[in-house]
Amino acid sequence: MDKRNNFKILTFVTQFAVNMLVPICMCSFVGYYIDRYFGTQFWFVALFFIGAIAGGRNIYILARKTYGKDEDSDS
């Protein structure tokens, strides 16, 4: 494999990681601060899972675009 292909693969893996981690981290931080402000222990967990679902959706959309199965071309 040449260097160009290696960089494409590394870029693709990095995009997957960022698309998954950013929503999880953002929702977790928001949940943490809401819990600290109100003195609860529910929002961190709830928003963590919402972030995980959003990250999974981002990965799904990225994978569909990468493999050329765009939703607009189905019709």
PDB file of N, CA and C in Angstrom:
ATOM      1  N   MET A   1       0.838  -1.178   0.000  1.00  0.00           N
ATOM      2  CA  MET A   1       0.000   0.000   0.000  1.00  0.00           C
ATOM      3  C   MET A   1       0.881   1.240   0.000  1.00  0.00           C
ATOM      4  N   ASP A   2       0.486   2.210  -0.756  1.00  0.00           N
ATOM      5  CA  ASP A   2       1.270   3.440  -0.812  1.00  0.00           C
ATOM      6  C   ASP A   2       0.878   4.398   0.316  1.00  0.00           C
ATOM      7  N   LYS A   3       1.661   5.434   0.479  1.00  0.00           N
ATOM      8  CA  LYS A   3       1.442   6.382   1.576  1.00  0.00           C
ATOM      9  C   LYS A   3       0.127   7.132   1.432  1.00  0.00           C
ATOM     10  N   ARG A   4      -0.257   7.435   0.212  1.00  0.00           N
ATOM     11  CA  ARG A   4      -1.501   8.171  -0.007  1.00  0.00           C
ATOM     12  C   ARG A   4      -2.702   7.362   0.492  1.00  0.00           C
ATOM     13  N   ASN A   5      -2.712   6.084   0.212  1.00  0.00           N
ATOM     14  CA  ASN A   5      -3.810   5.240   0.663  1.00  0.00           C
ATOM     15  C   ASN A   5      -3.813   5.126   2.194  1.00  0.00           C
ATOM     16  N   ASN A   6      -2.636   5.056   2.787  1.00  0.00           N
ATOM     17  CA  ASN A   6      -2.546   5.000   4.248  1.00  0.00           C
ATOM     18  C   ASN A   6      -3.110   6.265   4.882  1.00  0.00           C
ATOM     19  N   PHE A   7      -2.828   7.414   4.293  1.00  0.00           N
ATOM     20  CA  PHE A   7      -3.355   8.669   4.833  1.00  0.00           C
ATOM     21  C   PHE A   7      -4.869   8.757   4.654  1.00  0.00           C
ATOM     22  N   LYS A   8      -5.400   8.232   3.564  1.00  0.00           N
ATOM     23  CA  LYS A   8      -6.854   8.218   3.374  1.00  0.00           C
ATOM     24  C   LYS A   8      -7.532   7.364   4.435  1.00  0.00           C
ATOM     25  N   ILE A   9      -6.934   6.213   4.723  1.00  0.00           N
ATOM     26  CA  ILE A   9      -7.501   5.331   5.742  1.00  0.00           C
ATOM     27  C   ILE A   9      -7.421   5.993   7.115  1.00  0.00           C
ATOM     28  N   LEU A  10      -6.299   6.610   7.424  1.00  0.00           N
ATOM     29  CA  LEU A  10      -6.140   7.298   8.704  1.00  0.00           C
ATOM     30  C   LEU A  10      -7.137   8.448   8.836  1.00  0.00           C
ATOM     31  N   THR A  11      -7.346   9.182   7.771  1.00  0.00           N
ATOM     32  CA  THR A  11      -8.322  10.274   7.780  1.00  0.00           C
ATOM     33  C   THR A  11      -9.726   9.744   8.011  1.00  0.00           C
ATOM     34  N   PHE A  12     -10.063   8.653   7.369  1.00  0.00           N
ATOM     35  CA  PHE A  12     -11.389   8.054   7.501  1.00  0.00           C
ATOM     36  C   PHE A  12     -11.625   7.580   8.936  1.00  0.00           C
ATOM     37  N   VAL A  13     -10.650   6.917   9.524  1.00  0.00           N
ATOM     38  CA  VAL A  13     -10.780   6.435  10.894  1.00  0.00           C
ATOM     39  C   VAL A  13     -10.893   7.611  11.862  1.00  0.00           C
ATOM     40  N   THR A  14     -10.132   8.668  11.619  1.00  0.00           N
ATOM     41  CA  THR A  14     -10.195   9.854  12.465  1.00  0.00           C
ATOM     42  C   THR A  14     -11.558  10.522  12.371  1.00  0.00           C
ATOM     43  N   GLN A  15     -12.123  10.591  11.180  1.00  0.00           N
ATOM     44  CA  GLN A  15     -13.463  11.164  11.018  1.00  0.00           C
ATOM     45  C   GLN A  15     -14.489  10.350  11.796  1.00  0.00           C
ATOM     46  N   PHE A  16     -14.378   9.028  11.744  1.00  0.00           N
ATOM     47  CA  PHE A  16     -15.300   8.188  12.503  1.00  0.00           C
ATOM     48  C   PHE A  16     -15.187   8.482  13.993  1.00  0.00           C
ATOM     49  N   ALA A  17     -13.958   8.576  14.492  1.00  0.00           N
ATOM     50  CA  ALA A  17     -13.749   8.801  15.920  1.00  0.00           C
ATOM     51  C   ALA A  17     -14.295  10.159  16.352  1.00  0.00           C
ATOM     52  N   VAL A  18     -14.016  11.183  15.571  1.00  0.00           N
ATOM     53  CA  VAL A  18     -14.481  12.536  15.922  1.00  0.00           C
ATOM     54  C   VAL A  18     -16.001  12.599  15.860  1.00  0.00           C
ATOM     55  N   ASN A  19     -16.586  11.997  14.830  1.00  0.00           N
ATOM     56  CA  ASN A  19     -18.044  12.017  14.695  1.00  0.00           C
ATOM     57  C   ASN A  19     -18.740  11.257  15.816  1.00  0.00           C
ATOM     58  N   MET A  20     -18.061  10.337  16.447  1.00  0.00           N
ATOM     59  CA  MET A  20     -18.652   9.601  17.552  1.00  0.00           C
ATOM     60  C   MET A  20     -18.383  10.287  18.894  1.00  0.00           C
ATOM     61  N   LEU A  21     -17.182  10.790  19.089  1.00  0.00           N
ATOM     62  CA  LEU A  21     -16.800  11.311  20.396  1.00  0.00           C
ATOM     63  C   LEU A  21     -17.326  12.714  20.696  1.00  0.00           C
ATOM     64  N   VAL A  22     -17.429  13.556  19.712  1.00  0.00           N
ATOM     65  CA  VAL A  22     -17.862  14.938  19.961  1.00  0.00           C
ATOM     66  C   VAL A  22     -19.281  14.998  20.533  1.00  0.00           C
ATOM     67  N   PRO A  23     -20.267  14.334  19.950  1.00  0.00           N
ATOM     68  CA  PRO A  23     -21.606  14.406  20.567  1.00  0.00           C
ATOM     69  C   PRO A  23     -21.658  13.796  21.964  1.00  0.00           C
ATOM     70  N   ILE A  24     -20.912  12.704  22.174  1.00  0.00           N
ATOM     71  CA  ILE A  24     -20.911  12.075  23.490  1.00  0.00           C
ATOM     72  C   ILE A  24     -20.310  13.021  24.522  1.00  0.00           C
ATOM     73  N   CYS A  25     -19.172  13.611  24.201  1.00  0.00           N
ATOM     74  CA  CYS A  25     -18.513  14.518  25.154  1.00  0.00           C
ATOM     75  C   CYS A  25     -19.352  15.762  25.426  1.00  0.00           C
ATOM     76  N   MET A  26     -19.905  16.353  24.383  1.00  0.00           N
ATOM     77  CA  MET A  26     -20.700  17.568  24.577  1.00  0.00           C
ATOM     78  C   MET A  26     -21.934  17.286  25.431  1.00  0.00           C
ATOM     79  N   CYS A  27     -22.655  16.218  25.123  1.00  0.00           N
ATOM     80  CA  CYS A  27     -23.849  15.898  25.900  1.00  0.00           C
ATOM     81  C   CYS A  27     -23.489  15.519  27.335  1.00  0.00           C
ATOM     82  N   SER A  28     -22.381  14.822  27.516  1.00  0.00           N
ATOM     83  CA  SER A  28     -21.960  14.440  28.870  1.00  0.00           C
ATOM     84  C   SER A  28     -21.609  15.668  29.703  1.00  0.00           C
ATOM     85  N   PHE A  29     -20.885  16.607  29.125  1.00  0.00           N
ATOM     86  CA  PHE A  29     -20.531  17.820  29.855  1.00  0.00           C
ATOM     87  C   PHE A  29     -21.775  18.624  30.213  1.00  0.00           C
ATOM     88  N   VAL A  30     -22.696  18.747  29.288  1.00  0.00           N
ATOM     89  CA  VAL A  30     -23.940  19.473  29.578  1.00  0.00           C
ATOM     90  C   VAL A  30     -24.703  18.765  30.692  1.00  0.00           C
ATOM     91  N   GLY A  31     -24.798  17.446  30.611  1.00  0.00           N
ATOM     92  CA  GLY A  31     -25.479  16.685  31.650  1.00  0.00           C
ATOM     93  C   GLY A  31     -24.811  16.816  33.001  1.00  0.00           C
ATOM     94  N   TYR A  32     -23.487  16.831  33.018  1.00  0.00           N
ATOM     95  CA  TYR A  32     -22.741  16.979  34.263  1.00  0.00           C
ATOM     96  C   TYR A  32     -23.039  18.320  34.924  1.00  0.00           C
ATOM     97  N   TYR A  33     -23.031  19.390  34.130  1.00  0.00           N
ATOM     98  CA  TYR A  33     -23.281  20.709  34.701  1.00  0.00           C
ATOM     99  C   TYR A  33     -24.744  20.903  35.098  1.00  0.00           C
ATOM    100  N   ILE A  34     -25.658  20.297  34.384  1.00  0.00           N
ATOM    101  CA  ILE A  34     -27.068  20.351  34.794  1.00  0.00           C
ATOM    102  C   ILE A  34     -27.239  19.620  36.123  1.00  0.00           C
ATOM    103  N   ASP A  35     -26.608  18.448  36.248  1.00  0.00           N
ATOM    104  CA  ASP A  35     -26.694  17.703  37.505  1.00  0.00           C
ATOM    105  C   ASP A  35     -26.076  18.471  38.664  1.00  0.00           C
ATOM    106  N   ARG A  36     -24.954  19.138  38.431  1.00  0.00           N
ATOM    107  CA  ARG A  36     -24.327  19.924  39.504  1.00  0.00           C
ATOM    108  C   ARG A  36     -25.212  21.094  39.901  1.00  0.00           C
ATOM    109  N   TYR A  37     -25.826  21.735  38.928  1.00  0.00           N
ATOM    110  CA  TYR A  37     -26.645  22.914  39.202  1.00  0.00           C
ATOM    111  C   TYR A  37     -27.908  22.549  39.986  1.00  0.00           C
ATOM    112  N   PHE A  38     -28.587  21.473  39.562  1.00  0.00           N
ATOM    113  CA  PHE A  38     -29.843  21.094  40.196  1.00  0.00           C
ATOM    114  C   PHE A  38     -29.681  20.056  41.306  1.00  0.00           C
ATOM    115  N   GLY A  39     -28.489  19.493  41.470  1.00  0.00           N
ATOM    116  CA  GLY A  39     -28.259  18.490  42.497  1.00  0.00           C
ATOM    117  C   GLY A  39     -28.881  17.141  42.189  1.00  0.00           C
ATOM    118  N   THR A  40     -29.007  16.823  40.913  1.00  0.00           N
ATOM    119  CA  THR A  40     -29.586  15.546  40.505  1.00  0.00           C
ATOM    120  C   THR A  40     -28.480  14.606  40.040  1.00  0.00           C
ATOM    121  N   GLN A  41     -28.866  13.376  39.697  1.00  0.00           N
ATOM    122  CA  GLN A  41     -27.909  12.413  39.161  1.00  0.00           C
ATOM    123  C   GLN A  41     -28.465  11.722  37.926  1.00  0.00           C
ATOM    124  N   PHE A  42     -29.396  12.330  37.261  1.00  0.00           N
ATOM    125  CA  PHE A  42     -30.070  11.699  36.139  1.00  0.00           C
ATOM    126  C   PHE A  42     -29.581  12.211  34.787  1.00  0.00           C
ATOM    127  N   TRP A  43     -29.358  13.487  34.673  1.00  0.00           N
ATOM    128  CA  TRP A  43     -29.117  14.102  33.374  1.00  0.00           C
ATOM    129  C   TRP A  43     -27.809  13.675  32.727  1.00  0.00           C
ATOM    130  N   PHE A  44     -26.781  13.439  33.511  1.00  0.00           N
ATOM    131  CA  PHE A  44     -25.504  13.004  32.939  1.00  0.00           C
ATOM    132  C   PHE A  44     -25.681  11.701  32.163  1.00  0.00           C
ATOM    133  N   VAL A  45     -26.328  10.740  32.789  1.00  0.00           N
ATOM    134  CA  VAL A  45     -26.520   9.428  32.155  1.00  0.00           C
ATOM    135  C   VAL A  45     -27.440   9.542  30.946  1.00  0.00           C
ATOM    136  N   ALA A  46     -28.537  10.269  31.105  1.00  0.00           N
ATOM    137  CA  ALA A  46     -29.495  10.406  30.003  1.00  0.00           C
ATOM    138  C   ALA A  46     -28.856  11.092  28.800  1.00  0.00           C
ATOM    139  N   LEU A  47     -28.147  12.190  29.045  1.00  0.00           N
ATOM    140  CA  LEU A  47     -27.534  12.913  27.928  1.00  0.00           C
ATOM    141  C   LEU A  47     -26.340  12.160  27.346  1.00  0.00           C
ATOM    142  N   PHE A  48     -25.660  11.345  28.162  1.00  0.00           N
ATOM    143  CA  PHE A  48     -24.594  10.502  27.624  1.00  0.00           C
ATOM    144  C   PHE A  48     -25.160   9.562  26.556  1.00  0.00           C
ATOM    145  N   PHE A  49     -26.281   8.911  26.866  1.00  0.00           N
ATOM    146  CA  PHE A  49     -26.869   7.984  25.903  1.00  0.00           C
ATOM    147  C   PHE A  49     -27.450   8.713  24.691  1.00  0.00           C
ATOM    148  N   ILE A  50     -27.985   9.884  24.889  1.00  0.00           N
ATOM    149  CA  ILE A  50     -28.453  10.670  23.751  1.00  0.00           C
ATOM    150  C   ILE A  50     -27.276  11.037  22.850  1.00  0.00           C
ATOM    151  N   GLY A  51     -26.139  11.403  23.444  1.00  0.00           N
ATOM    152  CA  GLY A  51     -24.928  11.690  22.667  1.00  0.00           C
ATOM    153  C   GLY A  51     -24.424  10.470  21.917  1.00  0.00           C
ATOM    154  N   ALA A  52     -24.515   9.300  22.554  1.00  0.00           N
ATOM    155  CA  ALA A  52     -24.092   8.065  21.888  1.00  0.00           C
ATOM    156  C   ALA A  52     -24.992   7.744  20.698  1.00  0.00           C
ATOM    157  N   ILE A  53     -26.269   7.972  20.854  1.00  0.00           N
ATOM    158  CA  ILE A  53     -27.200   7.738  19.743  1.00  0.00           C
ATOM    159  C   ILE A  53     -26.928   8.725  18.607  1.00  0.00           C
ATOM    160  N   ALA A  54     -26.682   9.985  18.953  1.00  0.00           N
ATOM    161  CA  ALA A  54     -26.371  10.994  17.932  1.00  0.00           C
ATOM    162  C   ALA A  54     -25.059  10.653  17.228  1.00  0.00           C
ATOM    163  N   GLY A  55     -24.065  10.201  17.979  1.00  0.00           N
ATOM    164  CA  GLY A  55     -22.794   9.799  17.372  1.00  0.00           C
ATOM    165  C   GLY A  55     -22.962   8.610  16.448  1.00  0.00           C
ATOM    166  N   GLY A  56     -23.770   7.646  16.852  1.00  0.00           N
ATOM    167  CA  GLY A  56     -24.049   6.497  15.983  1.00  0.00           C
ATOM    168  C   GLY A  56     -24.743   6.907  14.701  1.00  0.00           C
ATOM    169  N   ARG A  57     -25.648   7.867  14.812  1.00  0.00           N
ATOM    170  CA  ARG A  57     -26.327   8.386  13.613  1.00  0.00           C
ATOM    171  C   ARG A  57     -25.325   9.080  12.698  1.00  0.00           C
ATOM    172  N   ASN A  58     -24.397   9.853  13.278  1.00  0.00           N
ATOM    173  CA  ASN A  58     -23.366  10.507  12.470  1.00  0.00           C
ATOM    174  C   ASN A  58     -22.506   9.487  11.735  1.00  0.00           C
ATOM    175  N   ILE A  59     -22.137   8.412  12.414  1.00  0.00           N
ATOM    176  CA  ILE A  59     -21.334   7.354  11.799  1.00  0.00           C
ATOM    177  C   ILE A  59     -22.106   6.697  10.658  1.00  0.00           C
ATOM    178  N   TYR A  60     -23.378   6.460  10.880  1.00  0.00           N
ATOM    179  CA  TYR A  60     -24.215   5.842   9.845  1.00  0.00           C
ATOM    180  C   TYR A  60     -24.283   6.721   8.599  1.00  0.00           C
ATOM    181  N   ILE A  61     -24.499   8.014   8.791  1.00  0.00           N
ATOM    182  CA  ILE A  61     -24.570   8.942   7.660  1.00  0.00           C
ATOM    183  C   ILE A  61     -23.231   9.011   6.930  1.00  0.00           C
ATOM    184  N   LEU A  62     -22.135   9.075   7.672  1.00  0.00           N
ATOM    185  CA  LEU A  62     -20.807   9.120   7.055  1.00  0.00           C
ATOM    186  C   LEU A  62     -20.520   7.849   6.263  1.00  0.00           C
ATOM    187  N   ALA A  63     -20.893   6.709   6.812  1.00  0.00           N
ATOM    188  CA  ALA A  63     -20.656   5.443   6.113  1.00  0.00           C
ATOM    189  C   ALA A  63     -21.485   5.359   4.836  1.00  0.00           C
ATOM    190  N   ARG A  64     -22.733   5.818   4.890  1.00  0.00           N
ATOM    191  CA  ARG A  64     -23.571   5.783   3.679  1.00  0.00           C
ATOM    192  C   ARG A  64     -23.008   6.695   2.591  1.00  0.00           C
ATOM    193  N   LYS A  65     -22.520   7.872   2.987  1.00  0.00           N
ATOM    194  CA  LYS A  65     -21.939   8.786   1.996  1.00  0.00           C
ATOM    195  C   LYS A  65     -20.645   8.215   1.434  1.00  0.00           C
ATOM    196  N   THR A  66     -19.867   7.566   2.269  1.00  0.00           N
ATOM    197  CA  THR A  66     -18.584   7.027   1.832  1.00  0.00           C
ATOM    198  C   THR A  66     -18.762   5.894   0.833  1.00  0.00           C
ATOM    199  N   TYR A  67     -19.730   5.037   1.070  1.00  0.00           N
ATOM    200  CA  TYR A  67     -19.937   3.896   0.199  1.00  0.00           C
ATOM    201  C   TYR A  67     -20.872   4.203  -0.967  1.00  0.00           C
ATOM    202  N   GLY A  68     -21.239   5.452  -1.164  1.00  0.00           N
ATOM    203  CA  GLY A  68     -21.972   5.888  -2.343  1.00  0.00           C
ATOM    204  C   GLY A  68     -23.449   5.569  -2.342  1.00  0.00           C
ATOM    205  N   LYS A  69     -24.003   5.256  -1.207  1.00  0.00           N
ATOM    206  CA  LYS A  69     -25.421   4.968  -1.137  1.00  0.00           C
ATOM    207  C   LYS A  69     -26.152   6.177  -0.542  1.00  0.00           C
ATOM    208  N   ASP A  70     -26.140   7.259  -1.287  1.00  0.00           N
ATOM    209  CA  ASP A  70     -26.769   8.489  -0.814  1.00  0.00           C
ATOM    210  C   ASP A  70     -28.284   8.320  -0.822  1.00  0.00           C
ATOM    211  N   GLU A  71     -28.951   8.885   0.179  1.00  0.00           N
ATOM    212  CA  GLU A  71     -30.399   8.743   0.300  1.00  0.00           C
ATOM    213  C   GLU A  71     -31.146   9.365  -0.876  1.00  0.00           C
ATOM    214  N   ASP A  72     -30.606  10.414  -1.483  1.00  0.00           N
ATOM    215  CA  ASP A  72     -31.281  11.080  -2.591  1.00  0.00           C
ATOM    216  C   ASP A  72     -31.280  10.241  -3.859  1.00  0.00           C
ATOM    217  N   SER A  73     -30.319   9.325  -4.002  1.00  0.00           N
ATOM    218  CA  SER A  73     -30.226   8.537  -5.233  1.00  0.00           C
ATOM    219  C   SER A  73     -31.122   7.313  -5.215  1.00  0.00           C
ATOM    220  N   ASP A  74     -31.857   7.056  -4.117  1.00  0.00           N
ATOM    221  CA  ASP A  74     -32.730   5.883  -4.027  1.00  0.00           C
ATOM    222  C   ASP A  74     -33.959   6.019  -4.911  1.00  0.00           C
ATOM    223  N   SER A  75     -34.412   7.202  -5.170  1.00  0.00           N
ATOM    224  CA  SER A  75     -35.642   7.372  -5.950  1.00  0.00           C
ATOM    225  C   SER A  75     -35.390   7.394  -7.429  1.00  0.00           C
TER     226      SER A  75
END
